[in-house]
């Protein structure tokens, strides 16, 4: 992306440049053209850094979801600064997923606060919200843990990468 994002002083932690670059480099191994042409959902979007990076790399549509009004203002401000377009929704992530069905996203970022304890519930609701025919890659950023999360039989673990105390997990969402 190359430009400095607006980051409100409310305790959000945008993905570092190293982690963001690593994520998008890894995505090139999953998608022939990287994120170019993909539809992306950025849950717990914070400043929107992952979704904004996806737009800068050619994603055709990005939906940002965060419950914080300050985060939503930050995302809208960053979209304006970068002259990008995206859909910004202020909502609790679980409520957003429960209200929506037949969603069509190729790529979903889940980057909740590190102490968030409902990630498995979010992934379960995401499974119910996605259209059956959707082929979706899930990228989950979290604090490093030796244990892999259990998201059920229909979420196939693919890969993990560790960067200091942060790790990125990649999953295939299956029917």
N, C-alpha and C. Protein backbone atom coordinates (compact mmCIF):
# COMPACT_ATOMS: atom_id res chain seq x y z
N UNK A 1 0.83 -1.18 0.00
CA UNK A 1 0.00 0.00 0.00
C UNK A 1 0.88 1.25 0.00
N UNK A 2 1.84 1.34 0.92
CA UNK A 2 2.81 2.40 0.88
C UNK A 2 2.43 3.69 1.59
N UNK A 3 1.17 3.91 1.93
CA UNK A 3 0.76 5.13 2.62
C UNK A 3 0.48 4.83 4.08
N UNK A 4 0.64 5.85 4.89
CA UNK A 4 0.41 5.72 6.33
C UNK A 4 -1.09 5.78 6.61
N UNK A 5 -1.59 4.80 7.36
CA UNK A 5 -3.00 4.75 7.71
C UNK A 5 -3.30 5.59 8.93
N UNK A 6 -4.52 6.08 8.99
CA UNK A 6 -5.00 6.74 10.20
C UNK A 6 -5.33 5.64 11.20
N UNK A 7 -4.77 5.73 12.40
CA UNK A 7 -5.00 4.74 13.45
C UNK A 7 -5.51 5.48 14.68
N UNK A 8 -6.77 5.27 15.07
CA UNK A 8 -7.30 5.95 16.25
C UNK A 8 -6.63 5.40 17.51
N UNK A 9 -6.58 6.21 18.53
CA UNK A 9 -5.96 5.81 19.79
C UNK A 9 -6.98 5.12 20.68
N UNK A 10 -7.44 3.93 20.23
CA UNK A 10 -8.45 3.19 20.99
C UNK A 10 -8.01 1.75 21.26
N UNK A 11 -6.73 1.49 21.10
CA UNK A 11 -6.23 0.16 21.42
C UNK A 11 -6.28 -0.84 20.28
N UNK A 12 -6.60 -0.41 19.05
CA UNK A 12 -6.56 -1.35 17.93
C UNK A 12 -5.11 -1.53 17.52
N UNK A 13 -4.80 -2.71 17.00
CA UNK A 13 -3.44 -2.99 16.55
C UNK A 13 -3.50 -3.42 15.10
N UNK A 14 -3.24 -2.48 14.19
CA UNK A 14 -3.24 -2.89 12.78
C UNK A 14 -2.14 -3.90 12.53
N UNK A 15 -2.38 -4.79 11.58
CA UNK A 15 -1.34 -5.77 11.23
C UNK A 15 -0.07 -5.01 10.85
N UNK A 16 1.06 -5.46 11.38
CA UNK A 16 2.32 -4.81 11.06
C UNK A 16 2.64 -5.01 9.58
N UNK A 17 3.51 -4.15 9.07
CA UNK A 17 3.91 -4.28 7.66
C UNK A 17 4.47 -5.66 7.38
N UNK A 18 5.30 -6.19 8.30
CA UNK A 18 5.89 -7.53 8.11
C UNK A 18 4.81 -8.58 8.00
N UNK A 19 3.86 -8.57 8.93
CA UNK A 19 2.80 -9.58 8.94
C UNK A 19 1.91 -9.42 7.72
N UNK A 20 1.56 -8.19 7.38
CA UNK A 20 0.71 -7.94 6.22
C UNK A 20 1.38 -8.42 4.94
N UNK A 21 2.64 -8.10 4.77
CA UNK A 21 3.38 -8.56 3.58
C UNK A 21 3.45 -10.09 3.54
N UNK A 22 3.69 -10.70 4.69
CA UNK A 22 3.78 -12.16 4.75
C UNK A 22 2.43 -12.80 4.39
N UNK A 23 1.34 -12.24 4.89
CA UNK A 23 0.02 -12.77 4.58
C UNK A 23 -0.22 -12.73 3.08
N UNK A 24 0.02 -11.59 2.47
CA UNK A 24 -0.29 -11.45 1.05
C UNK A 24 0.68 -12.24 0.18
N UNK A 25 1.89 -12.43 0.65
CA UNK A 25 2.83 -13.30 -0.06
C UNK A 25 2.33 -14.75 -0.02
N UNK A 26 1.87 -15.18 1.14
CA UNK A 26 1.34 -16.54 1.29
C UNK A 26 0.07 -16.72 0.46
N UNK A 27 -0.77 -15.69 0.39
CA UNK A 27 -1.99 -15.79 -0.40
C UNK A 27 -1.69 -16.05 -1.87
N UNK A 28 -0.53 -15.62 -2.34
CA UNK A 28 -0.14 -15.89 -3.73
C UNK A 28 0.02 -17.39 -3.98
N UNK A 29 0.30 -18.16 -2.93
CA UNK A 29 0.42 -19.61 -3.11
C UNK A 29 -0.95 -20.30 -3.13
N UNK A 30 -1.98 -19.62 -2.64
CA UNK A 30 -3.33 -20.18 -2.65
C UNK A 30 -4.15 -19.74 -3.86
N UNK A 31 -3.90 -18.54 -4.33
CA UNK A 31 -4.66 -17.98 -5.45
C UNK A 31 -3.69 -17.63 -6.56
N UNK A 32 -3.98 -18.09 -7.76
CA UNK A 32 -3.09 -17.90 -8.91
C UNK A 32 -2.72 -16.44 -9.13
N UNK A 33 -3.67 -15.55 -8.97
CA UNK A 33 -3.43 -14.12 -9.19
C UNK A 33 -3.41 -13.33 -7.89
N UNK A 34 -2.99 -13.97 -6.80
CA UNK A 34 -3.05 -13.28 -5.52
C UNK A 34 -4.49 -12.96 -5.19
N UNK A 35 -4.74 -11.77 -4.67
CA UNK A 35 -6.11 -11.40 -4.31
C UNK A 35 -6.83 -10.67 -5.45
N UNK A 36 -6.15 -10.49 -6.55
CA UNK A 36 -6.75 -9.79 -7.69
C UNK A 36 -8.05 -10.47 -8.10
N UNK A 37 -9.12 -9.68 -8.16
CA UNK A 37 -10.42 -10.20 -8.58
C UNK A 37 -11.23 -10.86 -7.49
N UNK A 38 -10.72 -10.94 -6.26
CA UNK A 38 -11.43 -11.62 -5.18
C UNK A 38 -12.39 -10.70 -4.46
N UNK A 39 -13.39 -11.31 -3.82
CA UNK A 39 -14.29 -10.62 -2.91
C UNK A 39 -13.87 -10.97 -1.50
N UNK A 40 -13.65 -9.95 -0.68
CA UNK A 40 -12.99 -10.12 0.62
C UNK A 40 -13.89 -9.60 1.74
N UNK A 41 -13.89 -10.34 2.85
CA UNK A 41 -14.59 -9.95 4.07
C UNK A 41 -13.54 -9.77 5.16
N UNK A 42 -13.51 -8.58 5.77
CA UNK A 42 -12.54 -8.27 6.83
C UNK A 42 -13.32 -8.11 8.13
N UNK A 43 -13.31 -9.18 8.95
CA UNK A 43 -14.03 -9.19 10.23
C UNK A 43 -13.11 -8.69 11.34
N UNK A 44 -13.68 -7.97 12.31
CA UNK A 44 -12.89 -7.30 13.35
C UNK A 44 -11.87 -6.39 12.65
N UNK A 45 -12.36 -5.58 11.74
CA UNK A 45 -11.50 -4.87 10.80
C UNK A 45 -10.57 -3.84 11.43
N UNK A 46 -10.92 -3.28 12.58
CA UNK A 46 -10.03 -2.30 13.21
C UNK A 46 -9.81 -1.09 12.32
N UNK A 47 -8.58 -0.88 11.89
CA UNK A 47 -8.27 0.23 10.97
C UNK A 47 -8.56 -0.15 9.53
N UNK A 48 -8.82 -1.45 9.29
CA UNK A 48 -9.06 -1.91 7.93
C UNK A 48 -7.80 -2.25 7.17
N UNK A 49 -6.67 -2.37 7.85
CA UNK A 49 -5.38 -2.53 7.15
C UNK A 49 -5.34 -3.74 6.22
N UNK A 50 -5.94 -4.87 6.62
CA UNK A 50 -5.89 -6.06 5.76
C UNK A 50 -6.80 -5.88 4.54
N UNK A 51 -8.00 -5.40 4.76
CA UNK A 51 -8.91 -5.15 3.63
C UNK A 51 -8.39 -4.09 2.69
N UNK A 52 -7.80 -3.04 3.24
CA UNK A 52 -7.22 -1.97 2.42
C UNK A 52 -6.07 -2.50 1.58
N UNK A 53 -5.26 -3.36 2.17
CA UNK A 53 -4.16 -3.98 1.42
C UNK A 53 -4.72 -4.83 0.29
N UNK A 54 -5.82 -5.55 0.57
CA UNK A 54 -6.45 -6.37 -0.47
C UNK A 54 -6.92 -5.50 -1.63
N UNK A 55 -7.52 -4.35 -1.31
CA UNK A 55 -7.97 -3.44 -2.38
C UNK A 55 -6.76 -2.98 -3.19
N UNK A 56 -5.68 -2.63 -2.51
CA UNK A 56 -4.49 -2.12 -3.21
C UNK A 56 -3.90 -3.17 -4.14
N UNK A 57 -4.20 -4.44 -3.86
CA UNK A 57 -3.66 -5.54 -4.66
C UNK A 57 -4.68 -6.09 -5.65
N UNK A 58 -5.80 -5.41 -5.80
CA UNK A 58 -6.73 -5.77 -6.86
C UNK A 58 -7.99 -6.51 -6.47
N UNK A 59 -8.30 -6.62 -5.17
CA UNK A 59 -9.58 -7.22 -4.78
C UNK A 59 -10.70 -6.37 -5.37
N UNK A 60 -11.75 -7.02 -5.87
CA UNK A 60 -12.83 -6.28 -6.53
C UNK A 60 -13.84 -5.70 -5.54
N UNK A 61 -13.96 -6.33 -4.38
CA UNK A 61 -14.90 -5.83 -3.37
C UNK A 61 -14.39 -6.23 -1.99
N UNK A 62 -14.45 -5.29 -1.06
CA UNK A 62 -14.08 -5.59 0.32
C UNK A 62 -15.17 -5.06 1.23
N UNK A 63 -15.61 -5.92 2.16
CA UNK A 63 -16.57 -5.54 3.18
C UNK A 63 -15.84 -5.58 4.51
N UNK A 64 -15.90 -4.45 5.23
CA UNK A 64 -15.25 -4.30 6.53
C UNK A 64 -16.33 -4.35 7.60
N UNK A 65 -16.12 -5.17 8.65
CA UNK A 65 -17.09 -5.25 9.75
C UNK A 65 -16.35 -5.04 11.06
N UNK A 66 -16.84 -4.09 11.86
CA UNK A 66 -16.29 -3.85 13.19
C UNK A 66 -17.39 -3.21 14.03
N UNK A 67 -17.42 -3.52 15.32
CA UNK A 67 -18.48 -2.98 16.17
C UNK A 67 -18.14 -1.60 16.73
N UNK A 68 -16.89 -1.20 16.67
CA UNK A 68 -16.47 0.08 17.24
C UNK A 68 -16.77 1.23 16.27
N UNK A 69 -17.49 2.22 16.77
CA UNK A 69 -17.79 3.38 15.92
C UNK A 69 -16.50 4.10 15.54
N UNK A 70 -15.52 4.14 16.43
CA UNK A 70 -14.24 4.78 16.11
C UNK A 70 -13.49 4.00 15.03
N UNK A 71 -13.54 2.67 15.09
CA UNK A 71 -12.92 1.87 14.03
C UNK A 71 -13.60 2.10 12.69
N UNK A 72 -14.91 2.17 12.71
CA UNK A 72 -15.67 2.41 11.47
C UNK A 72 -15.29 3.77 10.88
N UNK A 73 -15.21 4.80 11.74
CA UNK A 73 -14.78 6.13 11.26
C UNK A 73 -13.37 6.05 10.69
N UNK A 74 -12.50 5.29 11.36
CA UNK A 74 -11.12 5.15 10.90
C UNK A 74 -11.05 4.48 9.53
N UNK A 75 -11.83 3.43 9.34
CA UNK A 75 -11.84 2.73 8.05
C UNK A 75 -12.35 3.67 6.95
N UNK A 76 -13.44 4.36 7.24
CA UNK A 76 -13.99 5.29 6.25
C UNK A 76 -12.98 6.39 5.92
N UNK A 77 -12.29 6.87 6.93
CA UNK A 77 -11.27 7.90 6.70
C UNK A 77 -10.13 7.35 5.85
N UNK A 78 -9.69 6.12 6.15
CA UNK A 78 -8.61 5.51 5.37
C UNK A 78 -9.04 5.24 3.93
N UNK A 79 -10.29 4.82 3.73
CA UNK A 79 -10.80 4.63 2.36
C UNK A 79 -10.76 5.95 1.60
N UNK A 80 -11.16 7.02 2.29
CA UNK A 80 -11.17 8.34 1.67
C UNK A 80 -9.74 8.80 1.34
N UNK A 81 -8.82 8.65 2.29
CA UNK A 81 -7.43 9.06 2.09
C UNK A 81 -6.83 8.34 0.89
N UNK A 82 -7.11 7.02 0.80
CA UNK A 82 -6.53 6.20 -0.26
C UNK A 82 -7.35 6.24 -1.56
N UNK A 83 -8.51 6.89 -1.49
CA UNK A 83 -9.41 6.96 -2.64
C UNK A 83 -9.83 5.57 -3.11
N UNK A 84 -10.18 4.73 -2.13
CA UNK A 84 -10.67 3.38 -2.39
C UNK A 84 -12.17 3.34 -2.07
N UNK A 85 -12.80 2.28 -2.56
CA UNK A 85 -14.19 2.03 -2.22
C UNK A 85 -14.29 0.71 -1.47
N UNK A 86 -15.19 0.66 -0.52
CA UNK A 86 -15.44 -0.56 0.24
C UNK A 86 -16.70 -0.38 1.04
N UNK A 87 -17.31 -1.47 1.42
CA UNK A 87 -18.51 -1.42 2.25
C UNK A 87 -18.08 -1.52 3.71
N UNK A 88 -18.50 -0.57 4.53
CA UNK A 88 -18.12 -0.53 5.94
C UNK A 88 -19.39 -0.72 6.77
N UNK A 89 -19.37 -1.73 7.63
CA UNK A 89 -20.55 -2.06 8.43
C UNK A 89 -20.18 -2.02 9.90
N UNK A 90 -20.94 -1.22 10.65
CA UNK A 90 -20.75 -1.19 12.10
C UNK A 90 -21.69 -2.23 12.71
N UNK A 91 -21.09 -3.29 13.23
CA UNK A 91 -21.89 -4.37 13.80
C UNK A 91 -20.98 -5.29 14.61
N UNK A 92 -21.58 -5.90 15.61
CA UNK A 92 -20.92 -7.03 16.25
C UNK A 92 -20.77 -8.11 15.19
N UNK A 93 -19.61 -8.74 15.11
CA UNK A 93 -19.34 -9.71 14.05
C UNK A 93 -20.32 -10.88 14.09
N UNK A 94 -20.58 -11.43 15.27
CA UNK A 94 -21.52 -12.55 15.37
C UNK A 94 -22.92 -12.13 14.89
N UNK A 95 -23.37 -10.96 15.29
CA UNK A 95 -24.69 -10.49 14.85
C UNK A 95 -24.72 -10.29 13.33
N UNK A 96 -23.65 -9.72 12.78
CA UNK A 96 -23.58 -9.54 11.33
C UNK A 96 -23.73 -10.88 10.61
N UNK A 97 -23.00 -11.89 11.07
CA UNK A 97 -23.05 -13.20 10.41
C UNK A 97 -24.40 -13.87 10.60
N UNK A 98 -25.01 -13.69 11.75
CA UNK A 98 -26.33 -14.28 12.00
C UNK A 98 -27.42 -13.64 11.15
N UNK A 99 -27.26 -12.36 10.81
CA UNK A 99 -28.25 -11.63 10.01
C UNK A 99 -28.10 -11.89 8.52
N UNK A 100 -26.97 -12.40 8.10
CA UNK A 100 -26.69 -12.55 6.67
C UNK A 100 -26.48 -14.01 6.30
N UNK A 101 -27.04 -14.40 5.18
CA UNK A 101 -26.88 -15.76 4.67
C UNK A 101 -26.55 -15.68 3.19
N UNK A 102 -25.99 -16.75 2.67
CA UNK A 102 -25.61 -16.86 1.26
C UNK A 102 -24.57 -15.81 0.87
N UNK A 103 -23.66 -15.51 1.79
CA UNK A 103 -22.58 -14.57 1.49
C UNK A 103 -21.60 -15.21 0.52
N UNK A 104 -21.09 -14.40 -0.38
CA UNK A 104 -20.14 -14.87 -1.40
C UNK A 104 -18.81 -14.16 -1.20
N UNK A 105 -17.89 -14.78 -0.50
CA UNK A 105 -16.55 -14.22 -0.31
C UNK A 105 -15.53 -15.30 -0.62
N UNK A 106 -14.47 -14.92 -1.33
CA UNK A 106 -13.38 -15.86 -1.62
C UNK A 106 -12.38 -15.90 -0.49
N UNK A 107 -12.30 -14.79 0.25
CA UNK A 107 -11.27 -14.63 1.27
C UNK A 107 -11.89 -13.91 2.47
N UNK A 108 -11.65 -14.47 3.67
CA UNK A 108 -12.14 -13.85 4.90
C UNK A 108 -10.97 -13.70 5.86
N UNK A 109 -10.80 -12.46 6.35
CA UNK A 109 -9.82 -12.20 7.40
C UNK A 109 -10.56 -12.14 8.72
N UNK A 110 -10.05 -12.87 9.72
CA UNK A 110 -10.57 -12.78 11.08
C UNK A 110 -9.40 -12.39 11.97
N UNK A 111 -9.49 -11.18 12.51
CA UNK A 111 -8.41 -10.65 13.33
C UNK A 111 -9.00 -10.05 14.61
N UNK A 112 -9.57 -10.91 15.47
CA UNK A 112 -10.21 -10.38 16.69
C UNK A 112 -9.16 -9.92 17.70
N UNK A 113 -9.59 -9.20 18.73
CA UNK A 113 -8.66 -8.89 19.82
C UNK A 113 -8.06 -10.20 20.34
N UNK A 114 -6.81 -10.16 20.75
CA UNK A 114 -6.12 -11.40 21.13
C UNK A 114 -6.79 -12.14 22.29
N UNK A 115 -7.50 -11.48 23.13
CA UNK A 115 -8.17 -12.15 24.26
C UNK A 115 -9.63 -12.54 23.95
N UNK A 116 -10.04 -12.35 22.72
CA UNK A 116 -11.40 -12.68 22.32
C UNK A 116 -11.61 -14.19 22.43
N UNK A 117 -12.71 -14.60 23.05
CA UNK A 117 -12.92 -16.02 23.34
C UNK A 117 -14.01 -16.68 22.49
N UNK A 118 -14.56 -15.97 21.51
CA UNK A 118 -15.66 -16.52 20.73
C UNK A 118 -15.28 -16.76 19.27
N UNK A 119 -14.00 -16.93 18.98
CA UNK A 119 -13.58 -17.12 17.59
C UNK A 119 -14.21 -18.36 16.98
N UNK A 120 -14.28 -19.45 17.73
CA UNK A 120 -14.89 -20.68 17.20
C UNK A 120 -16.37 -20.43 16.85
N UNK A 121 -17.06 -19.67 17.67
CA UNK A 121 -18.46 -19.33 17.38
C UNK A 121 -18.54 -18.48 16.11
N UNK A 122 -17.61 -17.55 15.93
CA UNK A 122 -17.59 -16.72 14.73
C UNK A 122 -17.39 -17.59 13.50
N UNK A 123 -16.46 -18.53 13.57
CA UNK A 123 -16.21 -19.41 12.42
C UNK A 123 -17.43 -20.28 12.14
N UNK A 124 -18.09 -20.76 13.19
CA UNK A 124 -19.32 -21.54 13.00
C UNK A 124 -20.40 -20.72 12.32
N UNK A 125 -20.59 -19.48 12.75
CA UNK A 125 -21.58 -18.60 12.10
C UNK A 125 -21.16 -18.27 10.68
N UNK A 126 -19.86 -18.11 10.46
CA UNK A 126 -19.37 -17.85 9.11
C UNK A 126 -19.71 -19.01 8.19
N UNK A 127 -19.54 -20.24 8.67
CA UNK A 127 -19.90 -21.42 7.87
C UNK A 127 -21.37 -21.37 7.47
N UNK A 128 -22.25 -21.01 8.40
CA UNK A 128 -23.68 -20.95 8.12
C UNK A 128 -24.00 -19.78 7.19
N UNK A 129 -23.23 -18.70 7.28
CA UNK A 129 -23.51 -17.49 6.48
C UNK A 129 -23.03 -17.60 5.04
N UNK A 130 -21.99 -18.38 4.80
CA UNK A 130 -21.45 -18.48 3.44
C UNK A 130 -22.37 -19.32 2.55
N UNK A 131 -22.47 -18.92 1.30
CA UNK A 131 -23.23 -19.70 0.32
C UNK A 131 -22.58 -21.07 0.19
N UNK A 132 -23.36 -22.09 -0.02
CA UNK A 132 -22.85 -23.47 -0.11
C UNK A 132 -21.75 -23.63 -1.15
N UNK A 133 -21.92 -22.95 -2.28
CA UNK A 133 -20.95 -23.11 -3.37
C UNK A 133 -19.71 -22.24 -3.19
N UNK A 134 -19.69 -21.41 -2.16
CA UNK A 134 -18.55 -20.50 -1.96
C UNK A 134 -17.28 -21.29 -1.64
N UNK A 135 -16.22 -20.99 -2.34
CA UNK A 135 -14.90 -21.53 -2.05
C UNK A 135 -14.16 -20.43 -1.30
N UNK A 136 -13.96 -20.61 -0.01
CA UNK A 136 -13.48 -19.52 0.83
C UNK A 136 -12.23 -19.93 1.59
N UNK A 137 -11.23 -19.06 1.54
CA UNK A 137 -10.02 -19.21 2.35
C UNK A 137 -10.18 -18.30 3.55
N UNK A 138 -9.93 -18.84 4.73
CA UNK A 138 -10.02 -18.10 5.98
C UNK A 138 -8.61 -17.84 6.48
N UNK A 139 -8.30 -16.58 6.78
CA UNK A 139 -7.01 -16.18 7.34
C UNK A 139 -7.28 -15.64 8.73
N UNK A 140 -6.72 -16.30 9.74
CA UNK A 140 -6.98 -15.96 11.13
C UNK A 140 -5.69 -15.49 11.79
N UNK A 141 -5.69 -14.24 12.26
CA UNK A 141 -4.54 -13.71 13.00
C UNK A 141 -4.87 -13.78 14.48
N UNK A 142 -3.89 -14.26 15.26
CA UNK A 142 -4.09 -14.38 16.70
C UNK A 142 -2.75 -14.37 17.40
N UNK A 143 -2.78 -14.33 18.74
CA UNK A 143 -1.57 -14.49 19.53
C UNK A 143 -1.12 -15.94 19.38
N UNK A 144 0.18 -16.17 19.31
CA UNK A 144 0.69 -17.52 19.11
C UNK A 144 0.21 -18.45 20.23
N UNK A 145 -0.15 -19.66 19.83
CA UNK A 145 -0.52 -20.73 20.76
C UNK A 145 -0.04 -22.04 20.15
N UNK A 146 0.43 -22.94 20.97
CA UNK A 146 0.86 -24.25 20.45
C UNK A 146 -0.31 -25.04 19.89
N UNK A 147 -1.48 -24.84 20.49
CA UNK A 147 -2.67 -25.58 20.09
C UNK A 147 -3.36 -24.91 18.90
N UNK A 148 -3.74 -25.73 17.93
CA UNK A 148 -4.55 -25.23 16.83
C UNK A 148 -5.99 -25.11 17.30
N UNK A 149 -6.71 -24.11 16.84
CA UNK A 149 -8.11 -24.01 17.22
C UNK A 149 -8.92 -25.13 16.57
N UNK A 150 -9.98 -25.55 17.24
CA UNK A 150 -10.87 -26.56 16.69
C UNK A 150 -12.10 -25.86 16.13
N UNK A 151 -12.15 -25.75 14.82
CA UNK A 151 -13.26 -25.09 14.15
C UNK A 151 -14.21 -26.11 13.52
N UNK A 152 -14.04 -27.38 13.83
CA UNK A 152 -14.94 -28.40 13.30
C UNK A 152 -14.41 -29.08 12.05
N UNK A 153 -15.13 -30.11 11.63
CA UNK A 153 -14.70 -30.97 10.52
C UNK A 153 -14.69 -30.28 9.17
N UNK A 154 -15.51 -29.26 9.00
CA UNK A 154 -15.65 -28.65 7.68
C UNK A 154 -14.74 -27.44 7.48
N UNK A 155 -13.82 -27.23 8.41
CA UNK A 155 -12.84 -26.16 8.29
C UNK A 155 -11.48 -26.85 8.28
N UNK A 156 -10.88 -26.89 7.11
CA UNK A 156 -9.65 -27.65 6.90
C UNK A 156 -8.42 -26.77 7.15
N UNK A 157 -7.64 -27.15 8.14
CA UNK A 157 -6.40 -26.43 8.45
C UNK A 157 -5.41 -26.63 7.30
N UNK A 158 -4.79 -25.55 6.84
CA UNK A 158 -3.84 -25.61 5.73
C UNK A 158 -2.41 -25.29 6.15
N UNK A 159 -2.25 -24.20 6.90
CA UNK A 159 -0.89 -23.73 7.17
C UNK A 159 -0.89 -22.76 8.34
N UNK A 160 0.27 -22.65 8.99
CA UNK A 160 0.43 -21.64 10.02
C UNK A 160 1.80 -21.03 9.87
N UNK A 161 1.87 -19.72 10.19
CA UNK A 161 3.13 -18.98 10.16
C UNK A 161 3.20 -18.16 11.44
N UNK A 162 4.38 -18.16 12.06
CA UNK A 162 4.57 -17.43 13.31
C UNK A 162 5.50 -16.24 13.07
N UNK A 163 5.11 -15.09 13.63
CA UNK A 163 5.88 -13.86 13.52
C UNK A 163 5.95 -13.25 14.92
N UNK A 164 7.02 -13.53 15.65
CA UNK A 164 7.11 -13.08 17.04
C UNK A 164 6.01 -13.73 17.86
N UNK A 165 5.19 -12.92 18.51
CA UNK A 165 4.08 -13.44 19.32
C UNK A 165 2.78 -13.56 18.53
N UNK A 166 2.83 -13.24 17.26
CA UNK A 166 1.66 -13.31 16.40
C UNK A 166 1.76 -14.53 15.49
N UNK A 167 0.63 -15.16 15.22
CA UNK A 167 0.63 -16.21 14.22
C UNK A 167 -0.55 -16.02 13.28
N UNK A 168 -0.33 -16.51 12.07
CA UNK A 168 -1.36 -16.45 11.05
C UNK A 168 -1.69 -17.89 10.68
N UNK A 169 -2.98 -18.22 10.76
CA UNK A 169 -3.46 -19.55 10.42
C UNK A 169 -4.32 -19.46 9.16
N UNK A 170 -4.16 -20.43 8.29
CA UNK A 170 -4.90 -20.48 7.03
C UNK A 170 -5.78 -21.72 7.02
N UNK A 171 -7.04 -21.54 6.67
CA UNK A 171 -8.01 -22.61 6.64
C UNK A 171 -8.82 -22.55 5.36
N UNK A 172 -9.26 -23.71 4.90
CA UNK A 172 -10.20 -23.80 3.77
C UNK A 172 -11.56 -24.08 4.37
N UNK A 173 -12.53 -23.22 4.02
CA UNK A 173 -13.89 -23.42 4.47
C UNK A 173 -14.56 -24.37 3.47
N UNK A 174 -14.98 -25.54 3.92
CA UNK A 174 -15.56 -26.55 3.03
C UNK A 174 -17.07 -26.61 3.22
N UNK A 175 -17.75 -27.19 2.23
CA UNK A 175 -19.19 -27.42 2.36
C UNK A 175 -19.45 -28.44 3.45
